[in-house]
Amino acid sequence: MPSPDPHDDTSCDYEQFEKEQLTQDRDAIGVDTADVDDDEVAQRLVNDLVDAAVVTLVPEDQVLVHEPSGTTFDSTTQLVVFHRGWAAGRDADVEAE
């Protein structure tokens, strides 16, 4: 079955609006984390977050605390990927307002 022509879309305006919002949400979720597959890169990015007071090191527990969310991590890579997604979500919320 051929796909419908998007130019012939006769659905209600609110349905078109919802489709557009879902597309924007999917774009925001698609945060690029491909460059965080290297431990050295992740460590450098975590150091930048520590310098910016976004992350706190807790040496006695061997964890990293993401201050804005209160989430703890024991992996620099997981922290960086989480922070990028968290930041992208916040940016998407700001743009939606």
Protein backbone atom coordinates (compact mmCIF):
# COMPACT_ATOMS: atom_id res chain seq x y z
CA MET A 1 0.00 0.00 0.00
CA PRO A 2 1.50 3.34 -0.97
CA SER A 3 2.02 5.83 1.82
CA PRO A 4 -0.33 8.80 1.89
CA ASP A 5 0.84 12.07 0.42
CA PRO A 6 1.68 14.43 3.32
CA HIS A 7 0.42 17.37 1.23
CA ASP A 8 -3.03 15.80 1.10
CA ASP A 9 -3.26 15.43 4.88
CA THR A 10 -6.78 16.46 5.85
CA SER A 11 -6.62 15.52 9.53
CA CYS A 12 -7.60 18.05 12.15
CA ASP A 13 -5.18 20.79 13.07
CA TYR A 14 -4.65 19.39 16.57
CA GLU A 15 -3.63 16.02 15.12
CA GLN A 16 -1.09 17.72 12.86
CA PHE A 17 0.20 19.71 15.84
CA GLU A 18 0.59 16.52 17.89
CA LYS A 19 2.48 14.85 15.05
CA GLU A 20 4.84 17.81 14.88
CA GLN A 21 5.39 17.73 18.66
CA LEU A 22 6.15 14.00 18.58
CA THR A 23 8.67 14.57 15.80
CA GLN A 24 10.39 17.28 17.86
CA ASP A 25 10.44 14.99 20.90
CA ARG A 26 12.07 12.23 18.87
CA ASP A 27 14.67 14.71 17.63
CA ALA A 28 15.45 15.78 21.21
CA ILE A 29 15.77 12.17 22.32
CA GLY A 30 18.25 11.48 19.53
CA VAL A 31 21.15 13.06 21.43
CA ASP A 32 24.49 12.14 19.92
CA THR A 33 26.53 10.04 22.33
CA ALA A 34 28.71 8.31 19.76
CA ASP A 35 31.81 10.24 20.83
CA VAL A 36 31.52 9.02 24.45
CA ASP A 37 32.65 5.47 23.73
CA ASP A 38 36.20 6.27 24.84
CA ASP A 39 37.05 6.39 28.56
CA GLU A 40 39.53 9.22 28.04
CA VAL A 41 36.90 11.36 26.31
CA ALA A 42 34.36 10.58 29.04
CA GLN A 43 36.88 11.47 31.76
CA ARG A 44 37.68 14.79 30.09
CA LEU A 45 33.98 15.62 29.80
CA VAL A 46 33.39 14.68 33.45
CA ASN A 47 36.30 16.90 34.48
CA ASP A 48 34.62 19.76 32.61
CA LEU A 49 31.36 19.04 34.45
CA VAL A 50 33.20 18.96 37.79
CA ASP A 51 34.80 22.33 36.97
CA ALA A 52 31.33 23.70 36.16
CA ALA A 53 29.98 22.38 39.51
CA VAL A 54 27.49 20.13 37.73
CA VAL A 55 29.12 16.95 39.05
CA THR A 56 30.51 16.20 42.50
CA LEU A 57 33.06 13.49 43.14
CA VAL A 58 32.47 11.33 46.23
CA PRO A 59 35.79 9.48 46.61
CA GLU A 60 34.85 7.45 49.71
CA ASP A 61 31.88 5.91 47.86
CA GLN A 62 33.65 5.94 44.47
CA VAL A 63 30.68 7.59 42.80
CA LEU A 64 29.91 10.72 40.82
CA VAL A 65 26.83 12.77 41.70
CA HIS A 66 24.99 14.67 38.97
CA GLU A 67 23.95 17.65 41.11
CA PRO A 68 20.99 19.00 39.11
CA SER A 69 19.21 15.63 39.19
CA GLY A 70 20.76 14.07 42.31
CA THR A 71 21.56 10.89 40.37
CA THR A 72 24.71 8.94 41.26
CA PHE A 73 26.96 7.06 38.86
CA ASP A 74 29.96 4.80 39.17
CA SER A 75 30.86 5.12 35.48
CA THR A 76 32.10 8.28 33.79
CA THR A 77 30.64 7.16 30.47
CA GLN A 78 27.18 6.58 31.95
CA LEU A 79 27.30 9.97 33.64
CA VAL A 80 28.23 11.81 30.45
CA VAL A 81 25.54 10.05 28.39
CA PHE A 82 22.96 10.77 31.11
CA HIS A 83 23.98 14.43 31.35
CA ARG A 84 23.72 14.92 27.60
CA GLY A 85 20.23 13.42 27.56
CA TRP A 86 19.23 15.42 30.63
CA ALA A 87 20.53 18.66 29.09
CA ALA A 88 18.80 17.92 25.77
CA GLY A 89 15.53 17.30 27.60
CA ARG A 90 15.83 20.59 29.46
CA ASP A 91 16.66 22.43 26.22
CA ALA A 92 13.61 20.88 24.54
CA ASP A 93 11.42 22.00 27.47
CA VAL A 94 12.73 25.57 27.22
CA GLU A 95 12.12 25.68 23.46
CA ALA A 96 8.56 24.39 23.95
CA GLU A 97 7.65 27.25 26.27
